[in-house]
Each structure stands twice: as structure tokens, then as C-alpha cells.
Amino acid sequence: NALTPALLGATLKTLEIVKGGDALRVQLFRNAKRFREGMAKAGFKLLPGEHPIIPVMLGDARVAQDMAAALMDEGVYVTGFSFPVVPKGQARIRTQMCAGHSDEQVDRAVAAFTKVGKAHGVI
């Protein structure tokens, strides 16, 4: 059987993106590093690593949920995770950088976390 035109077109586009995608990967990891450095400087506990999924460790489930809601009010979309999704006592806010974030957006997210973290007594 022959490949459908739609599948072939999608495959060709995927290969085009992969060939020219190194700049996006570099930007993604640059954004992750920028966010991690800003959050660490502000006093947040992060799980170590270089990947763009950056858990902000809070420990308490209520704090994670309350902070996630307050961050949403600040225009920062994040999700709080607690037991049974993560081990008891390891509640966190999951953040994820993307290549499309500008430096200004990353810095605004760090500023919002700092504001909300101080209001909730986390930092």
C-alpha cells in the first residue's frame, strides 16, 4: 500500500522542522536555565536538572494548590501536584518552559512566583 498524501506531507514537514529545529532546542534550554537561575536566586527549591519541566518543590499540598491558583490570577499558568500523583510530602508546582517564551515572559513568571511565594510564606 502507498502512503497517503496527508501522511507523506506531515512526514516531510516533520523532517523540515527537525532539520531547522536546533535553534528552537537551544532557546528552550536557554529559557529553562534562565527560569531555574531566577527561581533559585529568589529562594525556591527546585528539583535539579536541565530539562524544561521544572518542579517547584513546596511539600504541602494546600500550599501548592493555593499558590497555583494565585499564580493563575497573576497570569502564570501552572499546575499544583500532590499525593497520590506525587509522594506524600512532596507537593509541587509543575512548570514547563517552551522555546516560544521570551526573556520578558520568563522574567515575569519568576517575578510572579516571587510575589506569590512571599505572600504564602514559602520564600
PDB file of N, CA and C in Angstrom:
ATOM      1  N   ASN A   1       0.827  -1.180   0.000  1.00  0.00           N
ATOM      2  CA  ASN A   1       0.000   0.000   0.000  1.00  0.00           C
ATOM      3  C   ASN A   1       0.878   1.254   0.000  1.00  0.00           C
ATOM      4  N   ALA A   2       0.421   2.233  -0.697  1.00  0.00           N
ATOM      5  CA  ALA A   2       1.131   3.510  -0.772  1.00  0.00           C
ATOM      6  C   ALA A   2       0.760   4.376   0.427  1.00  0.00           C
ATOM      7  N   LEU A   3       1.668   5.268   0.784  1.00  0.00           N
ATOM      8  CA  LEU A   3       1.380   6.234   1.843  1.00  0.00           C
ATOM      9  C   LEU A   3       0.337   7.228   1.352  1.00  0.00           C
ATOM     10  N   THR A   4      -0.509   7.669   2.270  1.00  0.00           N
ATOM     11  CA  THR A   4      -1.499   8.672   1.883  1.00  0.00           C
ATOM     12  C   THR A   4      -0.799  10.015   1.691  1.00  0.00           C
ATOM     13  N   PRO A   5      -1.324  10.871   0.851  1.00  0.00           N
ATOM     14  CA  PRO A   5      -0.716  12.202   0.665  1.00  0.00           C
ATOM     15  C   PRO A   5      -0.615  12.983   1.978  1.00  0.00           C
ATOM     16  N   ALA A   6      -1.614  12.876   2.842  1.00  0.00           N
ATOM     17  CA  ALA A   6      -1.587  13.610   4.114  1.00  0.00           C
ATOM     18  C   ALA A   6      -0.444  13.113   5.005  1.00  0.00           C
ATOM     19  N   LEU A   7      -0.276  11.807   5.092  1.00  0.00           N
ATOM     20  CA  LEU A   7       0.799  11.245   5.906  1.00  0.00           C
ATOM     21  C   LEU A   7       2.162  11.616   5.343  1.00  0.00           C
ATOM     22  N   LEU A   8       2.310  11.547   4.041  1.00  0.00           N
ATOM     23  CA  LEU A   8       3.566  11.924   3.402  1.00  0.00           C
ATOM     24  C   LEU A   8       3.868  13.404   3.623  1.00  0.00           C
ATOM     25  N   GLY A   9       2.851  14.253   3.486  1.00  0.00           N
ATOM     26  CA  GLY A   9       3.035  15.692   3.711  1.00  0.00           C
ATOM     27  C   GLY A   9       3.435  15.991   5.144  1.00  0.00           C
ATOM     28  N   ALA A  10       2.796  15.310   6.096  1.00  0.00           N
ATOM     29  CA  ALA A  10       3.133  15.512   7.507  1.00  0.00           C
ATOM     30  C   ALA A  10       4.556  15.041   7.797  1.00  0.00           C
ATOM     31  N   THR A  11       4.950  13.946   7.209  1.00  0.00           N
ATOM     32  CA  THR A  11       6.299  13.425   7.401  1.00  0.00           C
ATOM     33  C   THR A  11       7.347  14.387   6.840  1.00  0.00           C
ATOM     34  N   LEU A  12       7.094  14.915   5.659  1.00  0.00           N
ATOM     35  CA  LEU A  12       8.028  15.872   5.065  1.00  0.00           C
ATOM     36  C   LEU A  12       8.142  17.132   5.923  1.00  0.00           C
ATOM     37  N   LYS A  13       7.027  17.612   6.435  1.00  0.00           N
ATOM     38  CA  LYS A  13       7.042  18.809   7.291  1.00  0.00           C
ATOM     39  C   LYS A  13       7.801  18.519   8.584  1.00  0.00           C
ATOM     40  N   THR A  14       7.608  17.341   9.146  1.00  0.00           N
ATOM     41  CA  THR A  14       8.319  16.954  10.360  1.00  0.00           C
ATOM     42  C   THR A  14       9.824  16.951  10.126  1.00  0.00           C
ATOM     43  N   LEU A  15      10.243  16.393   9.020  1.00  0.00           N
ATOM     44  CA  LEU A  15      11.677  16.374   8.706  1.00  0.00           C
ATOM     45  C   LEU A  15      12.223  17.781   8.506  1.00  0.00           C
ATOM     46  N   GLU A  16      11.441  18.650   7.905  1.00  0.00           N
ATOM     47  CA  GLU A  16      11.839  20.048   7.724  1.00  0.00           C
ATOM     48  C   GLU A  16      12.032  20.731   9.077  1.00  0.00           C
ATOM     49  N   ILE A  17      11.108  20.491   9.992  1.00  0.00           N
ATOM     50  CA  ILE A  17      11.197  21.093  11.332  1.00  0.00           C
ATOM     51  C   ILE A  17      12.412  20.554  12.079  1.00  0.00           C
ATOM     52  N   VAL A  18      12.638  19.245  11.988  1.00  0.00           N
ATOM     53  CA  VAL A  18      13.777  18.632  12.671  1.00  0.00           C
ATOM     54  C   VAL A  18      15.095  19.189  12.149  1.00  0.00           C
ATOM     55  N   LYS A  19      15.202  19.338  10.847  1.00  0.00           N
ATOM     56  CA  LYS A  19      16.448  19.860  10.267  1.00  0.00           C
ATOM     57  C   LYS A  19      16.725  21.286  10.721  1.00  0.00           C
ATOM     58  N   GLY A  20      15.711  22.108  10.841  1.00  0.00           N
ATOM     59  CA  GLY A  20      15.903  23.502  11.227  1.00  0.00           C
ATOM     60  C   GLY A  20      15.597  23.776  12.685  1.00  0.00           C
ATOM     61  N   GLY A  21      15.411  22.723  13.476  1.00  0.00           N
ATOM     62  CA  GLY A  21      14.937  22.876  14.841  1.00  0.00           C
ATOM     63  C   GLY A  21      15.972  23.097  15.910  1.00  0.00           C
ATOM     64  N   ASP A  22      17.251  23.100  15.578  1.00  0.00           N
ATOM     65  CA  ASP A  22      18.257  23.241  16.617  1.00  0.00           C
ATOM     66  C   ASP A  22      18.147  24.577  17.345  1.00  0.00           C
ATOM     67  N   ALA A  23      17.789  25.618  16.632  1.00  0.00           N
ATOM     68  CA  ALA A  23      17.646  26.933  17.275  1.00  0.00           C
ATOM     69  C   ALA A  23      16.530  26.908  18.318  1.00  0.00           C
ATOM     70  N   LEU A  24      15.457  26.179  18.030  1.00  0.00           N
ATOM     71  CA  LEU A  24      14.365  26.074  18.998  1.00  0.00           C
ATOM     72  C   LEU A  24      14.795  25.296  20.234  1.00  0.00           C
ATOM     73  N   ARG A  25      15.555  24.227  20.038  1.00  0.00           N
ATOM     74  CA  ARG A  25      16.040  23.442  21.170  1.00  0.00           C
ATOM     75  C   ARG A  25      16.973  24.279  22.034  1.00  0.00           C
ATOM     76  N   VAL A  26      17.845  25.026  21.399  1.00  0.00           N
ATOM     77  CA  VAL A  26      18.770  25.897  22.133  1.00  0.00           C
ATOM     78  C   VAL A  26      17.979  26.927  22.942  1.00  0.00           C
ATOM     79  N   GLN A  27      16.978  27.540  22.334  1.00  0.00           N
ATOM     80  CA  GLN A  27      16.161  28.534  23.037  1.00  0.00           C
ATOM     81  C   GLN A  27      15.406  27.909  24.198  1.00  0.00           C
ATOM     82  N   LEU A  28      14.892  26.708  24.004  1.00  0.00           N
ATOM     83  CA  LEU A  28      14.171  26.009  25.066  1.00  0.00           C
ATOM     84  C   LEU A  28      15.060  25.821  26.289  1.00  0.00           C
ATOM     85  N   PHE A  29      16.273  25.329  26.089  1.00  0.00           N
ATOM     86  CA  PHE A  29      17.162  25.089  27.219  1.00  0.00           C
ATOM     87  C   PHE A  29      17.695  26.395  27.805  1.00  0.00           C
ATOM     88  N   ARG A  30      17.804  27.420  26.991  1.00  0.00           N
ATOM     89  CA  ARG A  30      18.185  28.750  27.491  1.00  0.00           C
ATOM     90  C   ARG A  30      17.102  29.284  28.425  1.00  0.00           C
ATOM     91  N   ASN A  31      15.833  29.129  28.005  1.00  0.00           N
ATOM     92  CA  ASN A  31      14.718  29.571  28.838  1.00  0.00           C
ATOM     93  C   ASN A  31      14.652  28.795  30.146  1.00  0.00           C
ATOM     94  N   ALA A  32      14.881  27.487  30.076  1.00  0.00           N
ATOM     95  CA  ALA A  32      14.861  26.667  31.291  1.00  0.00           C
ATOM     96  C   ALA A  32      15.960  27.116  32.254  1.00  0.00           C
ATOM     97  N   LYS A  33      17.137  27.368  31.724  1.00  0.00           N
ATOM     98  CA  LYS A  33      18.258  27.823  32.563  1.00  0.00           C
ATOM     99  C   LYS A  33      17.932  29.181  33.187  1.00  0.00           C
ATOM    100  N   ARG A  34      17.379  30.092  32.411  1.00  0.00           N
ATOM    101  CA  ARG A  34      17.027  31.427  32.909  1.00  0.00           C
ATOM    102  C   ARG A  34      16.010  31.327  34.039  1.00  0.00           C
ATOM    103  N   PHE A  35      14.983  30.501  33.840  1.00  0.00           N
ATOM    104  CA  PHE A  35      13.949  30.326  34.855  1.00  0.00           C
ATOM    105  C   PHE A  35      14.539  29.694  36.109  1.00  0.00           C
ATOM    106  N   ARG A  36      15.316  28.637  35.947  1.00  0.00           N
ATOM    107  CA  ARG A  36      15.924  27.971  37.101  1.00  0.00           C
ATOM    108  C   ARG A  36      16.797  28.942  37.903  1.00  0.00           C
ATOM    109  N   GLU A  37      17.610  29.715  37.207  1.00  0.00           N
ATOM    110  CA  GLU A  37      18.503  30.648  37.912  1.00  0.00           C
ATOM    111  C   GLU A  37      17.706  31.703  38.666  1.00  0.00           C
ATOM    112  N   GLY A  38      16.662  32.242  38.030  1.00  0.00           N
ATOM    113  CA  GLY A  38      15.841  33.249  38.692  1.00  0.00           C
ATOM    114  C   GLY A  38      15.104  32.696  39.899  1.00  0.00           C
ATOM    115  N   MET A  39      14.585  31.500  39.765  1.00  0.00           N
ATOM    116  CA  MET A  39      13.848  30.879  40.870  1.00  0.00           C
ATOM    117  C   MET A  39      14.779  30.511  42.021  1.00  0.00           C
ATOM    118  N   ALA A  40      15.954  29.996  41.714  1.00  0.00           N
ATOM    119  CA  ALA A  40      16.921  29.655  42.759  1.00  0.00           C
ATOM    120  C   ALA A  40      17.369  30.919  43.491  1.00  0.00           C
ATOM    121  N   LYS A  41      17.615  31.982  42.738  1.00  0.00           N
ATOM    122  CA  LYS A  41      18.024  33.254  43.348  1.00  0.00           C
ATOM    123  C   LYS A  41      16.932  33.786  44.271  1.00  0.00           C
ATOM    124  N   ALA A  42      15.671  33.569  43.898  1.00  0.00           N
ATOM    125  CA  ALA A  42      14.553  34.026  44.729  1.00  0.00           C
ATOM    126  C   ALA A  42      14.395  33.174  45.989  1.00  0.00           C
ATOM    127  N   GLY A  43      14.997  31.983  46.006  1.00  0.00           N
ATOM    128  CA  GLY A  43      14.946  31.143  47.199  1.00  0.00           C
ATOM    129  C   GLY A  43      14.061  29.915  47.095  1.00  0.00           C
ATOM    130  N   PHE A  44      13.588  29.587  45.900  1.00  0.00           N
ATOM    131  CA  PHE A  44      12.745  28.414  45.718  1.00  0.00           C
ATOM    132  C   PHE A  44      13.589  27.145  45.638  1.00  0.00           C
ATOM    133  N   LYS A  45      13.004  26.043  46.102  1.00  0.00           N
ATOM    134  CA  LYS A  45      13.639  24.732  45.996  1.00  0.00           C
ATOM    135  C   LYS A  45      13.132  24.072  44.717  1.00  0.00           C
ATOM    136  N   LEU A  46      14.053  23.740  43.825  1.00  0.00           N
ATOM    137  CA  LEU A  46      13.719  23.104  42.555  1.00  0.00           C
ATOM    138  C   LEU A  46      14.341  21.722  42.500  1.00  0.00           C
ATOM    139  N   LEU A  47      13.692  20.813  41.775  1.00  0.00           N
ATOM    140  CA  LEU A  47      14.349  19.545  41.510  1.00  0.00           C
ATOM    141  C   LEU A  47      15.484  19.823  40.535  1.00  0.00           C
ATOM    142  N   PRO A  48      16.649  19.227  40.771  1.00  0.00           N
ATOM    143  CA  PRO A  48      17.798  19.510  39.900  1.00  0.00           C
ATOM    144  C   PRO A  48      17.608  18.948  38.497  1.00  0.00           C
ATOM    145  N   GLY A  49      18.310  19.533  37.563  1.00  0.00           N
ATOM    146  CA  GLY A  49      18.292  19.064  36.191  1.00  0.00           C
ATOM    147  C   GLY A  49      18.413  20.216  35.226  1.00  0.00           C
ATOM    148  N   GLU A  50      18.412  19.878  33.947  1.00  0.00           N
ATOM    149  CA  GLU A  50      18.489  20.886  32.894  1.00  0.00           C
ATOM    150  C   GLU A  50      17.261  20.871  32.006  1.00  0.00           C
ATOM    151  N   HIS A  51      16.383  19.928  32.235  1.00  0.00           N
ATOM    152  CA  HIS A  51      15.219  19.761  31.366  1.00  0.00           C
ATOM    153  C   HIS A  51      14.219  20.903  31.539  1.00  0.00           C
ATOM    154  N   PRO A  52      13.337  21.109  30.573  1.00  0.00           N
ATOM    155  CA  PRO A  52      12.414  22.236  30.614  1.00  0.00           C
ATOM    156  C   PRO A  52      11.199  22.039  31.510  1.00  0.00           C
ATOM    157  N   ILE A  53      11.007  20.841  32.060  1.00  0.00           N
ATOM    158  CA  ILE A  53       9.954  20.636  33.058  1.00  0.00           C
ATOM    159  C   ILE A  53      10.610  20.847  34.405  1.00  0.00           C
ATOM    160  N   ILE A  54      10.167  21.899  35.100  1.00  0.00           N
ATOM    161  CA  ILE A  54      10.859  22.335  36.312  1.00  0.00           C
ATOM    162  C   ILE A  54       9.884  22.321  37.490  1.00  0.00           C
ATOM    163  N   PRO A  55       9.951  21.278  38.331  1.00  0.00           N
ATOM    164  CA  PRO A  55       9.087  21.237  39.509  1.00  0.00           C
ATOM    165  C   PRO A  55       9.588  22.190  40.591  1.00  0.00           C
ATOM    166  N   VAL A  56       8.669  22.988  41.122  1.00  0.00           N
ATOM    167  CA  VAL A  56       8.953  23.881  42.236  1.00  0.00           C
ATOM    168  C   VAL A  56       8.437  23.164  43.479  1.00  0.00           C
ATOM    169  N   MET A  57       9.349  22.703  44.317  1.00  0.00           N
ATOM    170  CA  MET A  57       9.004  21.855  45.457  1.00  0.00           C
ATOM    171  C   MET A  57       8.474  22.699  46.617  1.00  0.00           C
ATOM    172  N   LEU A  58       7.281  22.315  47.096  1.00  0.00           N
ATOM    173  CA  LEU A  58       6.646  23.051  48.179  1.00  0.00           C
ATOM    174  C   LEU A  58       6.326  22.169  49.375  1.00  0.00           C
ATOM    175  N   GLY A  59       6.176  20.878  49.164  1.00  0.00           N
ATOM    176  CA  GLY A  59       5.927  19.944  50.255  1.00  0.00           C
ATOM    177  C   GLY A  59       4.470  19.805  50.641  1.00  0.00           C
ATOM    178  N   ASP A  60       3.817  20.904  50.915  1.00  0.00           N
ATOM    179  CA  ASP A  60       2.437  20.901  51.402  1.00  0.00           C
ATOM    180  C   ASP A  60       1.442  21.028  50.243  1.00  0.00           C
ATOM    181  N   ALA A  61       0.480  20.118  50.212  1.00  0.00           N
ATOM    182  CA  ALA A  61      -0.497  20.083  49.120  1.00  0.00           C
ATOM    183  C   ALA A  61      -1.338  21.355  49.063  1.00  0.00           C
ATOM    184  N   ARG A  62      -1.797  21.847  50.205  1.00  0.00           N
ATOM    185  CA  ARG A  62      -2.637  23.043  50.225  1.00  0.00           C
ATOM    186  C   ARG A  62      -1.850  24.241  49.702  1.00  0.00           C
ATOM    187  N   VAL A  63      -0.604  24.370  50.115  1.00  0.00           N
ATOM    188  CA  VAL A  63       0.234  25.481  49.648  1.00  0.00           C
ATOM    189  C   VAL A  63       0.404  25.404  48.132  1.00  0.00           C
ATOM    190  N   ALA A  64       0.649  24.209  47.616  1.00  0.00           N
ATOM    191  CA  ALA A  64       0.831  24.049  46.170  1.00  0.00           C
ATOM    192  C   ALA A  64      -0.426  24.464  45.417  1.00  0.00           C
ATOM    193  N   GLN A  65      -1.583  24.046  45.902  1.00  0.00           N
ATOM    194  CA  GLN A  65      -2.839  24.387  45.226  1.00  0.00           C
ATOM    195  C   GLN A  65      -3.140  25.883  45.337  1.00  0.00           C
ATOM    196  N   ASP A  66      -2.939  26.434  46.534  1.00  0.00           N
ATOM    197  CA  ASP A  66      -3.214  27.863  46.736  1.00  0.00           C
ATOM    198  C   ASP A  66      -2.273  28.731  45.898  1.00  0.00           C
ATOM    199  N   MET A  67      -1.007  28.344  45.850  1.00  0.00           N
ATOM    200  CA  MET A  67      -0.060  29.120  45.048  1.00  0.00           C
ATOM    201  C   MET A  67      -0.374  29.008  43.564  1.00  0.00           C
ATOM    202  N   ALA A  68      -0.744  27.813  43.114  1.00  0.00           N
ATOM    203  CA  ALA A  68      -1.090  27.640  41.697  1.00  0.00           C
ATOM    204  C   ALA A  68      -2.273  28.536  41.330  1.00  0.00           C
ATOM    205  N   ALA A  69      -3.263  28.616  42.208  1.00  0.00           N
ATOM    206  CA  ALA A  69      -4.423  29.473  41.947  1.00  0.00           C
ATOM    207  C   ALA A  69      -4.010  30.949  41.930  1.00  0.00           C
ATOM    208  N   ALA A  70      -3.157  31.349  42.871  1.00  0.00           N
ATOM    209  CA  ALA A  70      -2.700  32.742  42.925  1.00  0.00           C
ATOM    210  C   ALA A  70      -1.841  33.081  41.699  1.00  0.00           C
ATOM    211  N   LEU A  71      -1.038  32.145  41.262  1.00  0.00           N
ATOM    212  CA  LEU A  71      -0.224  32.376  40.064  1.00  0.00           C
ATOM    213  C   LEU A  71      -1.097  32.505  38.826  1.00  0.00           C
ATOM    214  N   MET A  72      -2.181  31.746  38.776  1.00  0.00           N
ATOM    215  CA  MET A  72      -3.121  31.876  37.662  1.00  0.00           C
ATOM    216  C   MET A  72      -3.697  33.297  37.651  1.00  0.00           C
ATOM    217  N   ASP A  73      -4.007  33.821  38.830  1.00  0.00           N
ATOM    218  CA  ASP A  73      -4.502  35.200  38.921  1.00  0.00           C
ATOM    219  C   ASP A  73      -3.456  36.206  38.447  1.00  0.00           C
ATOM    220  N   GLU A  74      -2.177  35.840  38.551  1.00  0.00           N
ATOM    221  CA  GLU A  74      -1.077  36.695  38.098  1.00  0.00           C
ATOM    222  C   GLU A  74      -0.781  36.505  36.608  1.00  0.00           C
ATOM    223  N   GLY A  75      -1.517  35.598  35.968  1.00  0.00           N
ATOM    224  CA  GLY A  75      -1.322  35.356  34.545  1.00  0.00           C
ATOM    225  C   GLY A  75      -0.286  34.294  34.220  1.00  0.00           C
ATOM    226  N   VAL A  76       0.072  33.488  35.217  1.00  0.00           N
ATOM    227  CA  VAL A  76       1.046  32.418  35.015  1.00  0.00           C
ATOM    228  C   VAL A  76       0.316  31.087  35.161  1.00  0.00           C
ATOM    229  N   TYR A  77       0.238  30.334  34.071  1.00  0.00           N
ATOM    230  CA  TYR A  77      -0.482  29.065  34.081  1.00  0.00           C
ATOM    231  C   TYR A  77       0.435  27.949  34.561  1.00  0.00           C
ATOM    232  N   VAL A  78       0.122  27.419  35.739  1.00  0.00           N
ATOM    233  CA  VAL A  78       0.866  26.304  36.322  1.00  0.00           C
ATOM    234  C   VAL A  78      -0.132  25.357  36.973  1.00  0.00           C
ATOM    235  N   THR A  79       0.350  24.189  37.326  1.00  0.00           N
ATOM    236  CA  THR A  79      -0.493  23.187  37.970  1.00  0.00           C
ATOM    237  C   THR A  79       0.180  22.714  39.241  1.00  0.00           C
ATOM    238  N   GLY A  80      -0.603  22.631  40.311  1.00  0.00           N
ATOM    239  CA  GLY A  80      -0.111  22.067  41.558  1.00  0.00           C
ATOM    240  C   GLY A  80      -0.347  20.567  41.569  1.00  0.00           C
ATOM    241  N   PHE A  81       0.638  19.819  42.042  1.00  0.00           N
ATOM    242  CA  PHE A  81       0.534  18.358  42.136  1.00  0.00           C
ATOM    243  C   PHE A  81       0.767  17.934  43.577  1.00  0.00           C
ATOM    244  N   SER A  82      -0.030  16.988  44.038  1.00  0.00           N
ATOM    245  CA  SER A  82       0.153  16.431  45.371  1.00  0.00           C
ATOM    246  C   SER A  82      -0.251  14.962  45.349  1.00  0.00           C
ATOM    247  N   PHE A  83      -0.144  14.303  46.496  1.00  0.00           N
ATOM    248  CA  PHE A  83      -0.493  12.898  46.614  1.00  0.00           C
ATOM    249  C   PHE A  83      -1.926  12.686  46.134  1.00  0.00           C
ATOM    250  N   PRO A  84      -2.193  11.667  45.335  1.00  0.00           N
ATOM    251  CA  PRO A  84      -1.388  10.495  45.020  1.00  0.00           C
ATOM    252  C   PRO A  84      -0.586  10.618  43.724  1.00  0.00           C
ATOM    253  N   VAL A  85      -0.573  11.794  43.098  1.00  0.00           N
ATOM    254  CA  VAL A  85       0.182  11.975  41.851  1.00  0.00           C
ATOM    255  C   VAL A  85       1.684  11.972  42.124  1.00  0.00           C
ATOM    256  N   VAL A  86       2.078  12.539  43.264  1.00  0.00           N
ATOM    257  CA  VAL A  86       3.474  12.526  43.710  1.00  0.00           C
ATOM    258  C   VAL A  86       3.485  11.974  45.137  1.00  0.00           C
ATOM    259  N   PRO A  87       4.638  11.548  45.637  1.00  0.00           N
ATOM    260  CA  PRO A  87       4.681  11.000  47.002  1.00  0.00           C
ATOM    261  C   PRO A  87       4.203  12.015  48.048  1.00  0.00           C
ATOM    262  N   LYS A  88       3.634  11.489  49.135  1.00  0.00           N
ATOM    263  CA  LYS A  88       3.197  12.346  50.241  1.00  0.00           C
ATOM    264  C   LYS A  88       4.347  13.221  50.706  1.00  0.00           C
ATOM    265  N   GLY A  89       4.027  14.479  50.998  1.00  0.00           N
ATOM    266  CA  GLY A  89       5.039  15.411  51.475  1.00  0.00           C
ATOM    267  C   GLY A  89       5.914  16.006  50.383  1.00  0.00           C
ATOM    268  N   GLN A  90       5.633  15.673  49.118  1.00  0.00           N
ATOM    269  CA  GLN A  90       6.436  16.204  48.019  1.00  0.00           C
ATOM    270  C   GLN A  90       5.579  16.976  47.018  1.00  0.00           C
ATOM    271  N   ALA A  91       4.581  17.686  47.545  1.00  0.00           N
ATOM    272  CA  ALA A  91       3.725  18.506  46.677  1.00  0.00           C
ATOM    273  C   ALA A  91       4.579  19.547  45.978  1.00  0.00           C
ATOM    274  N   ARG A  92       4.143  19.911  44.805  1.00  0.00           N
ATOM    275  CA  ARG A  92       4.928  20.810  43.976  1.00  0.00           C
ATOM    276  C   ARG A  92       4.050  21.534  42.980  1.00  0.00           C
ATOM    277  N   ILE A  93       4.618  22.552  42.385  1.00  0.00           N
ATOM    278  CA  ILE A  93       4.010  23.196  41.225  1.00  0.00           C
ATOM    279  C   ILE A  93       4.867  22.801  40.041  1.00  0.00           C
ATOM    280  N   ARG A  94       4.205  22.296  39.030  1.00  0.00           N
ATOM    281  CA  ARG A  94       4.927  21.867  37.823  1.00  0.00           C
ATOM    282  C   ARG A  94       4.947  23.029  36.837  1.00  0.00           C
ATOM    283  N   THR A  95       6.128  23.397  36.410  1.00  0.00           N
ATOM    284  CA  THR A  95       6.273  24.422  35.380  1.00  0.00           C
ATOM    285  C   THR A  95       6.916  23.789  34.162  1.00  0.00           C
ATOM    286  N   GLN A  96       6.673  24.385  33.027  1.00  0.00           N
ATOM    287  CA  GLN A  96       7.292  23.881  31.807  1.00  0.00           C
ATOM    288  C   GLN A  96       7.622  25.051  30.894  1.00  0.00           C
ATOM    289  N   MET A  97       8.884  25.187  30.602  1.00  0.00           N
ATOM    290  CA  MET A  97       9.323  26.221  29.679  1.00  0.00           C
ATOM    291  C   MET A  97       9.073  25.755  28.250  1.00  0.00           C
ATOM    292  N   CYS A  98       8.994  26.710  27.350  1.00  0.00           N
ATOM    293  CA  CYS A  98       8.918  26.369  25.930  1.00  0.00           C
ATOM    294  C   CYS A  98       9.798  27.344  25.158  1.00  0.00           C
ATOM    295  N   ALA A  99      10.128  26.969  23.949  1.00  0.00           N
ATOM    296  CA  ALA A  99      11.011  27.790  23.121  1.00  0.00           C
ATOM    297  C   ALA A  99      10.352  29.101  22.734  1.00  0.00           C
ATOM    298  N   GLY A 100       9.035  29.148  22.770  1.00  0.00           N
ATOM    299  CA  GLY A 100       8.310  30.345  22.385  1.00  0.00           C
ATOM    300  C   GLY A 100       8.288  31.429  23.446  1.00  0.00           C
ATOM    301  N   HIS A 101       8.721  31.104  24.684  1.00  0.00           N
ATOM    302  CA  HIS A 101       8.745  32.121  25.736  1.00  0.00           C
ATOM    303  C   HIS A 101       9.856  33.131  25.472  1.00  0.00           C
ATOM    304  N   SER A 102       9.543  34.399  25.657  1.00  0.00           N
ATOM    305  CA  SER A 102      10.560  35.448  25.554  1.00  0.00           C
ATOM    306  C   SER A 102      11.252  35.604  26.912  1.00  0.00           C
ATOM    307  N   ASP A 103      12.391  36.291  26.921  1.00  0.00           N
ATOM    308  CA  ASP A 103      13.065  36.586  28.188  1.00  0.00           C
ATOM    309  C   ASP A 103      12.116  37.334  29.117  1.00  0.00           C
ATOM    310  N   GLU A 104      11.365  38.268  28.570  1.00  0.00           N
ATOM    311  CA  GLU A 104      10.419  39.053  29.381  1.00  0.00           C
ATOM    312  C   GLU A 104       9.372  38.147  30.032  1.00  0.00           C
ATOM    313  N   GLN A 105       8.866  37.167  29.299  1.00  0.00           N
ATOM    314  CA  GLN A 105       7.867  36.257  29.858  1.00  0.00           C
ATOM    315  C   GLN A 105       8.458  35.375  30.950  1.00  0.00           C
ATOM    316  N   VAL A 106       9.661  34.892  30.734  1.00  0.00           N
ATOM    317  CA  VAL A 106      10.314  34.071  31.756  1.00  0.00           C
ATOM    318  C   VAL A 106      10.538  34.912  33.009  1.00  0.00           C
ATOM    319  N   ASP A 107      11.035  36.123  32.844  1.00  0.00           N
ATOM    320  CA  ASP A 107      11.282  37.000  33.991  1.00  0.00           C
ATOM    321  C   ASP A 107       9.975  37.367  34.697  1.00  0.00           C
ATOM    322  N   ARG A 108       8.906  37.556  33.928  1.00  0.00           N
ATOM    323  CA  ARG A 108       7.605  37.871  34.531  1.00  0.00           C
ATOM    324  C   ARG A 108       7.097  36.693  35.353  1.00  0.00           C
ATOM    325  N   ALA A 109       7.334  35.473  34.880  1.00  0.00           N
ATOM    326  CA  ALA A 109       6.935  34.282  35.633  1.00  0.00           C
ATOM    327  C   ALA A 109       7.714  34.194  36.944  1.00  0.00           C
ATOM    328  N   VAL A 110       9.011  34.453  36.891  1.00  0.00           N
ATOM    329  CA  VAL A 110       9.823  34.428  38.111  1.00  0.00           C
ATOM    330  C   VAL A 110       9.333  35.503  39.085  1.00  0.00           C
ATOM    331  N   ALA A 111       9.032  36.691  38.582  1.00  0.00           N
ATOM    332  CA  ALA A 111       8.536  37.778  39.441  1.00  0.00           C
ATOM    333  C   ALA A 111       7.204  37.400  40.078  1.00  0.00           C
ATOM    334  N   ALA A 112       6.316  36.762  39.311  1.00  0.00           N
ATOM    335  CA  ALA A 112       5.023  36.335  39.857  1.00  0.00           C
ATOM    336  C   ALA A 112       5.229  35.265  40.925  1.00  0.00           C
ATOM    337  N   PHE A 113       6.096  34.304  40.671  1.00  0.00           N
ATOM    338  CA  PHE A 113       6.391  33.283  41.676  1.00  0.00           C
ATOM    339  C   PHE A 113       6.940  33.923  42.940  1.00  0.00           C
ATOM    340  N   THR A 114       7.826  34.890  42.774  1.00  0.00           N
ATOM    341  CA  THR A 114       8.422  35.557  43.927  1.00  0.00           C
ATOM    342  C   THR A 114       7.353  36.286  44.734  1.00  0.00           C
ATOM    343  N   LYS A 115       6.487  37.016  44.075  1.00  0.00           N
ATOM    344  CA  LYS A 115       5.408  37.736  44.748  1.00  0.00           C
ATOM    345  C   LYS A 115       4.492  36.763  45.493  1.00  0.00           C
ATOM    346  N   VAL A 116       4.062  35.725  44.812  1.00  0.00           N
ATOM    347  CA  VAL A 116       3.134  34.762  45.412  1.00  0.00           C
ATOM    348  C   VAL A 116       3.835  33.940  46.485  1.00  0.00           C
ATOM    349  N   GLY A 117       5.087  33.562  46.238  1.00  0.00           N
ATOM    350  CA  GLY A 117       5.844  32.801  47.235  1.00  0.00           C
ATOM    351  C   GLY A 117       6.014  33.562  48.532  1.00  0.00           C
ATOM    352  N   LYS A 118       6.272  34.850  48.430  1.00  0.00           N
ATOM    353  CA  LYS A 118       6.404  35.676  49.644  1.00  0.00           C
ATOM    354  C   LYS A 118       5.061  35.787  50.355  1.00  0.00           C
ATOM    355  N   ALA A 119       3.993  35.972  49.597  1.00  0.00           N
ATOM    356  CA  ALA A 119       2.651  36.099  50.200  1.00  0.00           C
ATOM    357  C   ALA A 119       2.231  34.827  50.915  1.00  0.00           C
ATOM    358  N   HIS A 120       2.729  33.681  50.456  1.00  0.00           N
ATOM    359  CA  HIS A 120       2.366  32.401  51.072  1.00  0.00           C
ATOM    360  C   HIS A 120       3.430  31.890  52.057  1.00  0.00           C
ATOM    361  N   GLY A 121       4.436  32.701  52.330  1.00  0.00           N
ATOM    362  CA  GLY A 121       5.460  32.337  53.290  1.00  0.00           C
ATOM    363  C   GLY A 121       6.395  31.221  52.849  1.00  0.00           C
ATOM    364  N   VAL A 122       6.488  31.008  51.550  1.00  0.00           N
ATOM    365  CA  VAL A 122       7.338  29.956  51.015  1.00  0.00           C
ATOM    366  C   VAL A 122       8.784  30.423  50.912  1.00  0.00           C
ATOM    367  N   ILE A 123       8.956  31.703  50.577  1.00  0.00           N
ATOM    368  CA  ILE A 123      10.313  32.268  50.492  1.00  0.00           C
ATOM    369  C   ILE A 123      10.349  33.533  51.336  1.00  0.00           C
TER     370      ILE A 123
END
